[in-house]
Protein backbone atom coordinates (compact mmCIF):
# COMPACT_ATOMS: atom_id res chain seq x y z
CA MET A 1 12.93 -8.59 5.38
CA ALA A 2 11.82 -11.63 3.38
CA GLU A 3 9.91 -12.83 0.34
CA VAL A 4 7.38 -15.63 0.63
CA PHE A 5 6.46 -18.28 -1.91
CA GLU A 6 3.81 -20.97 -1.94
CA ALA A 7 5.34 -24.35 -2.74
CA GLU A 8 4.25 -27.90 -3.38
CA LEU A 9 6.41 -30.84 -2.33
CA ALA A 10 6.04 -33.62 -4.87
CA GLY A 11 7.55 -37.02 -4.11
CA ASP A 12 7.18 -40.63 -5.19
CA LEU A 13 3.94 -42.62 -5.07
CA GLY A 14 1.86 -39.49 -5.54
CA PHE A 15 3.10 -37.76 -2.37
CA VAL A 16 2.23 -34.03 -2.44
CA ARG A 17 2.31 -31.50 0.38
CA LYS A 18 1.90 -27.74 0.23
CA VAL A 19 4.36 -25.58 2.15
CA ALA A 20 5.48 -21.95 2.29
CA ILE A 21 9.06 -20.90 1.54
CA LYS A 22 10.28 -17.77 3.29
CA ARG A 23 13.60 -16.42 1.98
CA MET A 24 15.49 -13.35 3.17
CA LEU A 25 15.93 -10.47 0.76
CA ASP A 26 19.45 -9.45 -0.25
CA GLY A 27 19.28 -6.14 1.62
CA ALA A 28 18.19 -7.76 4.87
CA ALA A 29 20.68 -10.63 4.60
CA ALA A 30 23.52 -8.09 4.31
CA ASP A 31 22.82 -7.10 7.92
CA PRO A 32 24.44 -9.78 10.13
CA SER A 33 22.05 -9.09 13.01
CA ALA A 34 19.00 -9.44 10.73
CA ALA A 35 20.32 -12.71 9.32
CA GLN A 36 20.90 -13.99 12.85
CA ARG A 37 17.33 -13.05 13.84
CA PHE A 38 16.02 -14.97 10.83
CA LEU A 39 17.97 -18.08 11.86
CA ASP A 40 16.93 -17.64 15.50
CA GLU A 41 13.29 -17.52 14.39
CA ALA A 42 13.61 -20.86 12.61
CA ARG A 43 15.50 -22.50 15.46
CA ILE A 44 13.03 -21.34 18.11
CA ALA A 45 9.92 -22.27 16.11
CA SER A 46 11.36 -25.67 15.17
CA ARG A 47 11.28 -26.64 18.86
CA LEU A 48 7.55 -26.00 19.12
CA HIS A 49 5.23 -28.81 18.05
CA HIS A 50 1.65 -27.74 18.63
CA ALA A 51 -1.56 -27.62 16.61
CA ASN A 52 -1.78 -23.85 17.09
CA VAL A 53 1.82 -22.98 16.08
CA VAL A 54 3.05 -22.75 12.46
CA SER A 55 5.68 -25.48 12.16
CA VAL A 56 9.11 -25.16 10.53
CA VAL A 57 9.92 -27.97 8.09
CA ASP A 58 13.44 -27.11 6.90
CA LEU A 59 16.17 -24.47 6.84
CA GLY A 60 19.15 -23.73 4.57
CA LEU A 61 20.72 -21.32 2.10
CA LEU A 62 19.08 -20.72 -1.29
CA ASP A 63 21.12 -18.69 -3.79
CA GLY A 64 23.27 -17.68 -0.84
CA LEU A 65 20.30 -16.35 1.17
CA PRO A 66 18.84 -18.01 4.30
CA PHE A 67 15.44 -19.62 3.79
CA GLN A 68 12.84 -21.44 5.88
CA VAL A 69 10.30 -24.01 4.74
CA LEU A 70 7.12 -23.52 6.76
CA GLU A 71 3.79 -25.21 7.15
CA LEU A 72 1.36 -23.57 4.71
CA VAL A 73 -1.85 -22.22 6.22
CA GLU A 74 -4.39 -21.64 3.46
CA GLY A 75 -6.64 -18.88 4.70
CA LEU A 76 -6.30 -15.37 6.14
CA ASN A 77 -4.50 -13.74 9.01
CA ALA A 78 -6.69 -12.21 11.70
CA GLN A 79 -5.97 -8.66 10.47
CA GLN A 80 -7.26 -9.56 7.00
CA LEU A 81 -10.20 -11.31 8.61
CA MET A 82 -11.11 -8.09 10.42
CA GLN A 83 -10.89 -6.14 7.16
CA ARG A 84 -13.13 -8.65 5.36
CA ALA A 85 -15.64 -8.36 8.23
CA GLY A 86 -15.79 -4.57 8.08
CA GLY A 87 -13.19 -3.64 10.69
CA LYS A 88 -14.06 -5.91 13.62
CA LEU A 89 -15.15 -9.48 14.27
CA PRO A 90 -18.20 -10.99 15.98
CA LEU A 91 -17.47 -11.57 19.67
CA GLU A 92 -17.67 -15.37 19.41
CA VAL A 93 -15.24 -15.45 16.47
CA ALA A 94 -12.76 -13.20 18.30
CA LEU A 95 -12.96 -15.33 21.46
CA ALA A 96 -12.44 -18.54 19.48
CA ILE A 97 -9.31 -17.14 17.82
CA ALA A 98 -7.89 -15.70 21.05
CA GLY A 99 -8.49 -18.97 22.89
CA ASP A 100 -6.41 -20.96 20.41
CA VAL A 101 -3.63 -18.34 20.50
CA ALA A 102 -3.58 -18.63 24.29
CA HIS A 103 -3.06 -22.39 23.94
CA ALA A 104 -0.18 -21.74 21.49
CA LEU A 105 1.46 -19.31 23.93
CA ASP A 106 1.04 -21.71 26.82
CA HIS A 107 2.92 -24.34 24.82
CA ALA A 108 5.70 -21.91 23.87
CA HIS A 109 6.12 -20.57 27.40
CA GLY A 110 6.41 -24.08 28.82
CA ALA A 111 8.73 -25.52 26.15
CA LEU A 112 11.79 -27.42 27.41
CA ASP A 113 15.14 -28.25 25.84
CA PRO A 114 16.38 -31.89 25.52
CA ALA A 115 17.86 -31.63 29.00
CA GLY A 116 14.49 -30.68 30.47
CA LEU A 117 15.38 -27.03 31.13
CA PRO A 118 12.93 -24.22 30.22
CA LEU A 119 13.68 -22.54 26.89
CA GLY A 120 12.32 -19.23 28.18
CA ILE A 121 10.46 -18.39 24.94
CA VAL A 122 8.53 -15.11 24.81
CA HIS A 123 6.97 -14.26 21.42
CA ARG A 124 7.02 -10.43 21.91
CA ASP A 125 4.90 -9.73 18.82
CA VAL A 126 1.41 -11.14 19.37
CA LYS A 127 -0.91 -9.18 17.07
CA PRO A 128 -3.68 -9.91 14.53
CA SER A 129 -1.40 -10.09 11.47
CA ASN A 130 0.72 -12.80 13.15
CA VAL A 131 -2.28 -15.07 13.76
CA LEU A 132 -3.33 -17.24 10.81
CA VAL A 133 -6.81 -18.69 10.41
CA SER A 134 -7.26 -21.46 7.83
CA TRP A 135 -10.38 -21.98 5.77
CA GLY A 136 -10.81 -25.23 7.70
CA GLY A 137 -11.06 -23.44 11.04
CA ASP A 138 -7.49 -23.92 12.33
CA VAL A 139 -5.83 -21.03 14.21
CA LYS A 140 -2.03 -20.84 14.25
CA LEU A 141 0.44 -18.40 15.78
CA SER A 142 3.28 -17.44 13.42
CA ASP A 143 6.39 -15.26 13.11
CA PHE A 144 8.78 -15.85 16.00
CA GLY A 145 11.23 -13.42 14.36
CA ILE A 146 11.70 -11.24 17.46
CA ALA A 147 10.93 -13.90 20.06
CA VAL A 148 13.34 -14.18 22.96
CA ALA A 149 14.67 -17.49 24.24
CA ARG A 150 17.39 -18.59 26.63
CA ASP A 151 19.81 -19.47 23.81
CA ARG A 152 18.86 -16.80 21.28
CA ALA A 153 21.98 -15.56 19.44
CA ALA A 154 20.76 -12.16 18.19
CA SER A 155 20.11 -9.29 20.59
CA THR A 156 17.91 -6.23 20.21
CA GLU A 157 19.82 -3.15 19.09
CA ALA A 158 20.47 -0.62 21.85
CA GLY A 159 17.84 2.11 21.96
CA LEU A 160 15.22 0.07 20.07
CA VAL A 161 12.13 -1.67 21.44
CA ALA A 162 11.13 -4.93 19.75
CA GLY A 163 7.40 -5.27 19.13
CA THR A 164 4.48 -3.55 17.42
CA MET A 165 3.01 -0.26 18.64
CA GLY A 166 -0.36 -0.81 20.26
CA PHE A 167 0.49 -4.28 21.64
CA ILE A 168 3.64 -3.64 23.73
CA ALA A 169 3.54 -4.34 27.46
CA PRO A 170 5.01 -1.71 29.84
CA GLU A 171 7.96 -3.92 30.79
CA GLN A 172 8.65 -4.53 27.10
CA ARG A 173 8.53 -0.81 26.34
CA THR A 174 11.01 -0.05 29.14
CA ARG A 175 13.15 -3.09 28.24
CA GLY A 176 12.58 -4.66 31.63
CA GLN A 177 12.24 -8.30 32.67
CA LEU A 178 9.98 -10.31 30.32
CA ASP A 179 8.14 -13.60 30.76
CA GLY A 180 5.06 -15.32 29.35
CA ARG A 181 2.74 -12.74 30.91
CA THR A 182 4.24 -10.16 28.53
CA ASP A 183 2.59 -12.11 25.69
CA VAL A 184 -0.65 -12.38 27.72
CA PHE A 185 -0.76 -8.56 27.82
CA ALA A 186 -0.45 -8.41 24.01
CA LEU A 187 -3.09 -11.12 23.56
CA GLY A 188 -5.53 -9.19 25.75
CA LEU A 189 -5.06 -6.12 23.56
CA MET A 190 -5.36 -8.25 20.43
CA LEU A 191 -8.71 -9.61 21.63
CA HIS A 192 -9.83 -6.03 22.36
CA ALA A 193 -8.81 -5.05 18.80
CA LEU A 194 -10.61 -8.02 17.20
CA VAL A 195 -13.87 -7.13 18.99
CA THR A 196 -13.77 -3.32 18.85
CA GLY A 197 -11.55 -2.63 15.83
CA TYR A 198 -8.79 -0.85 17.78
CA THR A 199 -6.29 -1.27 20.62
CA PRO A 200 -6.30 1.33 23.42
CA LEU A 201 -2.51 1.68 23.19
CA GLN A 202 -2.83 3.16 19.69
CA ASP A 203 -3.13 6.40 21.65
CA VAL A 204 0.41 7.34 22.71
CA GLU A 205 -0.95 9.34 25.66
CA VAL A 206 -2.69 6.23 27.01
CA GLU A 207 0.55 4.28 26.70
CA MET A 208 2.53 6.97 28.52
CA ARG A 209 0.00 7.00 31.37
CA ALA A 210 0.20 3.20 31.56
CA LEU A 211 3.96 3.46 32.04
CA LEU A 212 3.20 5.67 35.04
CA GLY A 213 0.91 3.00 36.49
CA ASP A 214 -2.55 4.10 35.26
CA PRO A 215 -4.90 1.26 34.22
CA ILE A 216 -5.60 0.90 30.50
CA PRO A 217 -9.09 2.18 29.54
CA LEU A 218 -11.18 -0.39 27.68
CA ASP A 219 -14.09 0.06 25.28
CA GLY A 220 -17.42 0.52 27.04
CA SER A 221 -19.23 -1.72 24.53
CA LEU A 222 -17.48 -4.88 25.76
CA PRO A 223 -19.68 -7.38 27.63
CA GLU A 224 -18.99 -7.33 31.37
CA ASP A 225 -17.41 -10.81 31.56
CA VAL A 226 -15.18 -10.14 28.55
CA ARG A 227 -14.21 -6.75 29.92
CA ALA A 228 -13.21 -8.22 33.28
CA MET A 229 -11.08 -10.87 31.59
CA ILE A 230 -9.26 -8.33 29.37
CA GLU A 231 -8.73 -5.97 32.34
CA ARG A 232 -6.86 -8.71 34.16
CA ALA A 233 -4.85 -9.68 31.07
CA VAL A 234 -3.69 -6.09 30.44
CA ALA A 235 -2.88 -5.24 34.06
CA VAL A 236 -0.01 -2.76 34.14
CA THR A 237 1.85 -4.82 36.75
CA ARG A 238 3.11 -8.06 35.21
CA THR A 239 2.51 -10.16 38.32
CA ASP A 240 -1.20 -9.20 38.33
CA ARG A 241 -1.79 -10.91 34.98
CA PRO A 242 -2.84 -14.55 34.48
CA SER A 243 -0.68 -17.11 32.71
CA ALA A 244 -1.51 -18.08 29.14
CA ALA A 245 -3.01 -21.35 30.40
CA GLU A 246 -5.26 -19.50 32.86
CA LEU A 247 -6.34 -17.06 30.15
CA ALA A 248 -7.17 -19.94 27.79
CA GLY A 249 -9.36 -21.50 30.48
CA THR A 250 -11.18 -18.22 31.13
CA ILE A 251 -11.81 -17.64 27.42
CA GLY A 252 -13.18 -21.18 27.12
CA SER A 253 -15.60 -20.68 30.01
CA ILE A 254 -16.82 -17.37 28.53
CA LEU A 255 -17.19 -18.80 25.02
CA ALA A 256 -18.90 -22.10 25.90
CA PRO A 257 -22.36 -20.64 26.74
CA ARG A 258 -22.28 -18.58 23.55
CA LEU A 259 -21.75 -21.55 21.19
CA THR A 260 -24.01 -24.45 20.22
CA GLY A 261 -21.22 -26.57 18.68
CA ASP A 262 -17.46 -27.03 18.74
CA VAL A 263 -15.12 -24.09 18.18
CA ARG A 264 -13.43 -25.38 15.03
CA SER A 265 -16.72 -26.08 13.22
CA PHE A 266 -17.99 -22.68 14.28
CA LEU A 267 -14.93 -20.93 12.81
CA ARG A 268 -15.13 -22.99 9.63
CA GLY A 269 -18.78 -22.03 9.22
CA TYR A 270 -17.99 -18.35 9.70
CA LEU A 271 -15.13 -18.42 7.18
CA ALA A 272 -17.43 -20.11 4.67
CA THR A 273 -19.46 -16.89 4.55
CA LEU A 274 -16.42 -14.95 3.26
CA ASP A 275 -15.26 -14.61 -0.34
CA ARG A 276 -12.32 -16.99 -0.69
CA LYS A 277 -10.83 -15.59 -3.94
CA PRO A 278 -8.44 -18.45 -4.80
CA ALA A 279 -5.39 -17.72 -6.94
CA LYS A 280 -5.44 -19.10 -10.49
CA ALA A 281 -2.33 -20.24 -12.34
CA GLY A 282 -1.86 -19.23 -15.97
CA ALA A 283 0.64 -19.30 -18.83
CA LEU A 284 2.85 -16.66 -17.25
CA ASP A 285 3.22 -18.83 -14.14
CA GLN A 286 4.58 -21.61 -16.32
CA LEU A 287 7.14 -19.25 -17.85
CA LEU A 288 8.34 -18.27 -14.37
CA GLY A 289 9.02 -21.87 -13.34
CA ILE A 290 12.21 -22.58 -11.40
CA GLU A 291 13.85 -25.55 -9.72
CA VAL A 292 15.81 -25.78 -6.51
CA VAL A 293 18.91 -27.98 -6.71
CA LEU A 294 21.61 -28.87 -4.21
CA THR A 295 24.81 -27.14 -5.34
CA ASP A 296 27.96 -29.21 -5.84
CA SER A 297 30.68 -28.37 -3.34
CA ARG A 298 34.27 -29.35 -2.71
CA GLU A 299 33.85 -28.59 1.00
CA SER A 300 33.39 -31.67 3.18
CA ASP A 301 32.81 -29.95 6.51
CA ARG A 302 29.88 -27.75 5.49
CA SER A 303 27.27 -27.62 8.25
CA VAL A 304 24.56 -25.81 6.23
CA ARG A 305 23.18 -27.14 2.96
CA HIS A 306 23.39 -24.79 -0.03
CA TYR A 307 20.91 -24.72 -2.92
CA ALA A 308 20.49 -22.73 -6.13
CA THR A 309 17.55 -21.87 -8.40
CA ILE A 310 17.54 -22.81 -12.08
CA ALA A 311 14.81 -22.87 -14.72
CA LEU A 312 12.23 -25.61 -14.38
CA GLN A 313 12.43 -28.46 -16.91
CA ARG A 314 9.12 -29.80 -18.14
CA ALA A 315 8.87 -33.00 -20.15
CA GLU A 316 6.24 -31.65 -22.53
CA ALA A 317 7.96 -28.36 -23.18
CA PRO A 318 9.58 -27.51 -26.53
CA THR A 319 13.30 -26.72 -26.65
CA ILE A 320 14.19 -23.23 -27.83
CA ALA A 321 17.46 -22.96 -29.74
CA LYS A 322 20.10 -20.79 -28.10
CA PRO A 323 23.87 -20.80 -27.55
CA THR A 324 24.79 -23.85 -25.48
CA PRO A 325 26.32 -22.72 -22.16
CA VAL A 326 28.99 -25.05 -20.83
CA ARG A 327 31.29 -25.01 -17.83
CA ALA A 328 34.47 -26.86 -16.99
CA ASP A 329 34.32 -26.65 -13.20
CA PRO A 330 31.52 -28.01 -11.02
CA PRO A 331 29.19 -25.27 -9.70
CA THR A 332 30.06 -23.72 -6.36
CA VAL A 333 28.14 -21.66 -3.83
CA ALA A 334 29.12 -18.56 -5.79
CA ASP A 335 26.81 -19.71 -8.62
CA ARG A 336 23.74 -17.80 -7.47
CA SER A 337 21.28 -18.85 -10.21
CA GLU A 338 21.14 -20.61 -13.54
CA LEU A 339 18.87 -20.75 -16.58
CA ASP A 340 17.51 -23.88 -18.17
CA GLU A 341 16.57 -24.72 -21.74
CA PRO A 342 12.97 -25.96 -21.67
CA VAL A 343 10.10 -23.50 -21.50
CA ALA A 344 6.56 -24.59 -20.63
CA ARG A 345 3.89 -24.42 -23.37
CA PRO A 346 1.32 -21.69 -22.65
CA SER A 347 -2.35 -21.77 -23.53
CA ARG A 348 -3.52 -20.31 -26.86
CA ARG A 349 -5.13 -17.37 -25.12
CA ALA A 350 -1.73 -16.37 -23.75
CA ALA A 351 0.16 -16.75 -27.06
CA PRO A 352 0.90 -13.02 -27.52
CA ILE A 353 2.21 -12.75 -23.94
CA PHE A 354 4.24 -15.91 -24.41
CA ALA A 355 5.81 -14.66 -27.65
CA ALA A 356 6.70 -11.28 -26.19
CA VAL A 357 8.27 -12.70 -23.04
CA VAL A 358 10.23 -15.37 -24.93
CA GLY A 359 11.44 -12.80 -27.46
CA LEU A 360 12.75 -10.54 -24.71
CA GLY A 361 14.35 -13.55 -23.03
CA LEU A 362 16.19 -14.57 -26.20
CA VAL A 363 17.53 -11.04 -26.73
CA ALA A 364 18.76 -10.88 -23.15
CA GLY A 365 20.18 -14.39 -23.40
CA ALA A 366 22.21 -13.55 -26.48
CA ILE A 367 23.86 -10.73 -24.56
CA VAL A 368 24.68 -12.44 -21.25
CA TRP A 369 25.38 -16.09 -22.10
CA GLN A 370 28.94 -17.13 -22.98
CA VAL A 371 30.43 -20.48 -23.88
CA ARG A 372 32.51 -22.18 -21.22
CA GLY A 373 33.72 -25.82 -20.59
CA ASP A 374 31.59 -29.03 -20.33
CA THR A 375 30.03 -30.04 -17.01
CA GLU A 376 29.19 -33.37 -15.42
CA PRO A 377 25.59 -34.52 -14.84
CA ARG A 378 24.15 -32.79 -11.80
CA VAL A 379 22.35 -34.22 -8.79
CA ARG A 380 18.77 -33.08 -9.07
CA GLY A 381 16.65 -31.72 -6.26
CA PRO A 382 12.95 -30.83 -6.17
CA ALA A 383 11.49 -28.43 -8.71
CA ILE A 384 9.73 -25.22 -7.71
CA THR A 385 7.34 -23.33 -9.99
CA LEU A 386 6.39 -19.73 -9.22
CA ALA A 387 2.69 -18.84 -9.23
CA PRO A 388 0.51 -16.14 -7.64
CA ALA A 389 0.02 -16.83 -3.93
CA ASP A 390 -3.11 -16.08 -1.92
CA THR A 391 -2.12 -13.17 0.29
CA GLY A 392 -3.37 -15.04 3.31
CA ALA A 393 -1.35 -18.21 2.73
CA GLY A 394 1.39 -19.44 4.95
CA VAL A 395 2.73 -16.30 6.53
CA PRO A 396 1.68 -12.73 7.09
CA THR A 397 1.24 -10.76 3.92
CA ASP A 398 3.62 -7.98 5.02
CA ALA A 399 6.42 -10.53 4.78
CA GLY A 400 6.60 -11.16 1.08
CA SER A 401 5.56 -10.92 -2.53
CA GLU A 402 2.45 -12.30 -4.20
CA LEU A 403 4.22 -15.16 -5.92
CA ALA A 404 3.97 -18.89 -5.37
CA ILE A 405 6.16 -21.88 -6.10
CA THR A 406 5.21 -25.39 -7.15
CA VAL A 407 7.80 -27.95 -6.08
CA ASP A 408 8.37 -31.10 -8.10
CA GLY A 409 10.84 -33.95 -8.17
CA SER A 410 11.81 -34.96 -4.63
CA ALA A 411 10.96 -38.22 -2.91
CA ASP A 412 11.79 -36.73 0.47
CA ALA A 413 9.56 -34.57 2.65
CA ALA A 414 11.73 -31.49 2.18
CA PRO A 415 11.76 -29.16 -0.82
CA VAL A 416 15.52 -29.11 -0.97
CA ALA A 417 16.35 -32.81 -0.65
CA SER A 418 18.13 -34.15 -3.73
CA ARG A 419 18.15 -37.51 -5.51
CA PRO A 420 19.78 -38.93 -8.64
CA ASP A 421 17.69 -38.50 -11.74
CA ALA A 422 17.83 -40.67 -14.82
CA ARG A 423 16.91 -37.87 -17.21
CA PRO A 424 19.67 -36.34 -19.37
CA ALA A 425 21.82 -33.79 -17.61
CA ARG A 426 21.25 -30.13 -18.38
CA GLN A 427 23.97 -27.70 -19.35
CA PRO A 428 23.76 -24.93 -16.72
CA ALA A 429 24.00 -21.38 -17.92
CA ARG A 430 26.43 -18.79 -16.66
CA PRO A 431 24.80 -16.79 -13.83
CA LEU A 432 23.55 -13.34 -14.68
CA ASP A 433 25.52 -10.39 -13.33
CA SER A 434 22.75 -9.63 -10.84
CA GLY A 435 23.07 -13.07 -9.27
CA VAL A 436 19.27 -13.38 -9.28
CA HIS A 437 17.23 -15.71 -11.48
CA PRO A 438 15.18 -13.79 -14.09
CA ALA A 439 11.99 -15.33 -12.68
CA ILE A 440 12.51 -13.44 -9.43
CA ALA A 441 14.50 -10.47 -10.71
CA SER A 442 11.48 -8.20 -10.29
CA VAL A 443 11.20 -8.92 -6.57
CA PRO A 444 12.58 -6.04 -4.43
CA THR A 445 16.09 -6.83 -3.26
CA GLY A 446 16.38 -4.40 -0.37
CA THR A 447 14.54 -2.61 2.38
CA GLY A 448 14.70 1.01 3.44
CA TYR A 449 12.83 3.09 6.00
CA LEU A 450 10.50 6.06 6.13
CA GLN A 451 9.31 8.09 9.12
CA VAL A 452 6.42 10.52 9.30
CA LEU A 453 6.86 13.25 11.91
CA GLY A 454 4.56 15.89 13.40
CA GLU A 455 3.25 16.60 16.91
CA ASP A 456 -0.33 16.72 15.68
CA LEU A 457 0.14 13.38 13.87
CA VAL A 458 1.42 11.25 16.78
CA GLY A 459 -0.49 7.96 16.80
CA SER A 460 -1.81 8.44 13.26
CA ALA A 461 -1.78 5.37 11.03
CA VAL A 462 0.63 5.29 8.07
CA LEU A 463 -0.54 3.50 4.92
CA VAL A 464 1.90 2.38 2.23
CA ASP A 465 0.35 1.32 -1.08
CA GLY A 466 -3.05 1.12 0.60
CA HIS A 467 -2.02 -1.02 3.58
CA VAL A 468 -1.58 0.11 7.19
CA VAL A 469 2.06 -0.67 8.01
CA GLY A 470 2.79 1.46 11.08
CA SER A 471 2.09 4.69 12.87
CA VAL A 472 3.62 8.11 13.57
CA PRO A 473 6.42 8.56 14.65
CA ASN A 474 7.79 5.00 14.38
CA PRO A 475 10.25 4.09 11.59
CA ILE A 476 8.54 1.98 8.92
CA ALA A 477 10.29 -0.55 6.70
CA ALA A 478 9.48 -0.51 2.97
CA ALA A 479 11.02 -2.18 -0.08
CA PHE A 480 13.23 -0.12 -2.34
CA GLY A 481 11.18 1.61 -5.04
CA ILE A 482 8.26 4.00 -5.51
CA HIS A 483 5.32 3.88 -3.10
CA ARG A 484 2.09 5.77 -2.37
CA VAL A 485 1.93 6.96 1.25
CA GLU A 486 -1.09 8.19 3.20
CA VAL A 487 -1.56 9.29 6.81
CA GLU A 488 -4.84 8.62 8.62
CA ARG A 489 -5.42 10.70 11.75
CA ARG A 490 -6.90 9.16 14.86
CA ASP A 491 -10.24 10.81 14.07
CA GLY A 492 -10.38 8.90 10.76
CA THR A 493 -9.52 11.76 8.41
CA ARG A 494 -6.83 11.12 5.81
CA LEU A 495 -4.20 13.51 4.52
CA PRO A 496 -3.46 13.76 0.78
CA VAL A 497 -1.55 10.90 -0.85
CA LYS A 498 2.16 11.43 -1.50
CA THR A 499 4.36 9.47 -3.89
CA ILE A 500 7.79 8.67 -2.45
CA GLU A 501 10.83 6.66 -3.49
CA ILE A 502 12.72 4.50 -0.98
CA LYS A 503 16.43 4.19 -1.80
CA GLU A 504 19.45 2.51 -0.28
CA VAL A 505 20.38 5.71 1.56
CA HIS A 506 17.15 5.54 3.55
CA THR A 507 18.36 3.41 6.47
CA ARG A 508 16.78 2.98 9.91
CA THR A 509 19.02 5.76 11.25
CA ASN A 510 18.50 7.98 8.20
CA PRO A 511 14.90 7.31 7.06
CA LEU A 512 13.04 9.20 4.37
CA ARG A 513 10.85 11.77 6.13
CA PRO A 514 7.92 12.85 3.93
CA ALA A 515 6.17 15.98 5.20
CA TRP A 516 2.52 17.03 5.06
């Protein structure tokens, strides 16, 4: 649905703040309901101000696509944390994470509008990959993309159930009445998964029996006090469950005797034992630099700010000769992206890569650029430089690509705020036919679906390019292009790998159905 970039806000007097930029992909933005869900997510999350909730900094349109600027969490999501730990977490670590998530849910469930009326927020997708854990020991709940609220504009499509298999409460599965205790159910299953490595509802038969009123069977290895707490949280009847505040209190009382210090220091110490693997910027990152600028507009009543990406200008960069693109009219929102003249100087070790990339760029530039009329100096906004992003930074890794952005040039605390700049004006290039800046042209621009079928495969995990992304028989979203798909049965055995290609014709109602 979206691509995610790491960004750095750079303002005056040495002000720098890291953020994450989440922008919808073209294919997703073409669906009005998906675009509305994206905007609903930002609006709902922007009303929540809590230490355990990922905050929204800004919202707008970038190259005609909706984008959010989010608080960056440098670390891992809980799903990645489980993988690093061998499939499950120590009990104390799992309790510490679940306790902070319970506090986040309590805040969301009790949020009020300016008039003092309840917003009625229910997250509906509490799971390990939506919980971020920073290297400093902070735990934050993210991704309110399918959350419900009293004034939510988008509605769930008829016949579909919003949520993730294995964490869906009975009333959510049957599309009944939801409230905060629906999220408590999911959190109880998430805690079970963090400690044992699985959720009982991965078994479709268990879920079907729960819909008939049978209690959910829990792992026998759980300590008695933890087991009793989870049993109450995952009660089949919604009214039998505790509130998020009550669950947070119970987790705290269970965790306190097991710790010798504070929770945050304990988590930080545990994370320090893991391999951090920080991303390193190189010459190629400099070549992929872009800026975000506020587009000129003749419209005076615009309620949403529009921005465009152009090549990043660096003071120390050499200027490469090329036809000078000019334009008579001021740029409009139709100008999706522009190229710039300066190119950053790479290191000597990257000279062959630099020469090859620049050579290809000049050949392509000679074909697509044409001379048009002069333009007036533009109002400059902050600059954004793409660079590899740590897969655990900012938002769940299934949301975007492994690129990052470094923002430069704004005195305001928003990556898209503009200010006059005394440097000489640049001559913007004519947009490429694709409407996408070359620096991000390789990012997938659409999403299709695949679905694995088979009675003997129900509940089996589906892996795309080595990552578990869903289970049989649920439809699974995947970017357009070629992927490697595997199926892992519930007994742990894997079927042979298949190579598939997702195309535009593979929609949710007509998914690609690979067979084994």
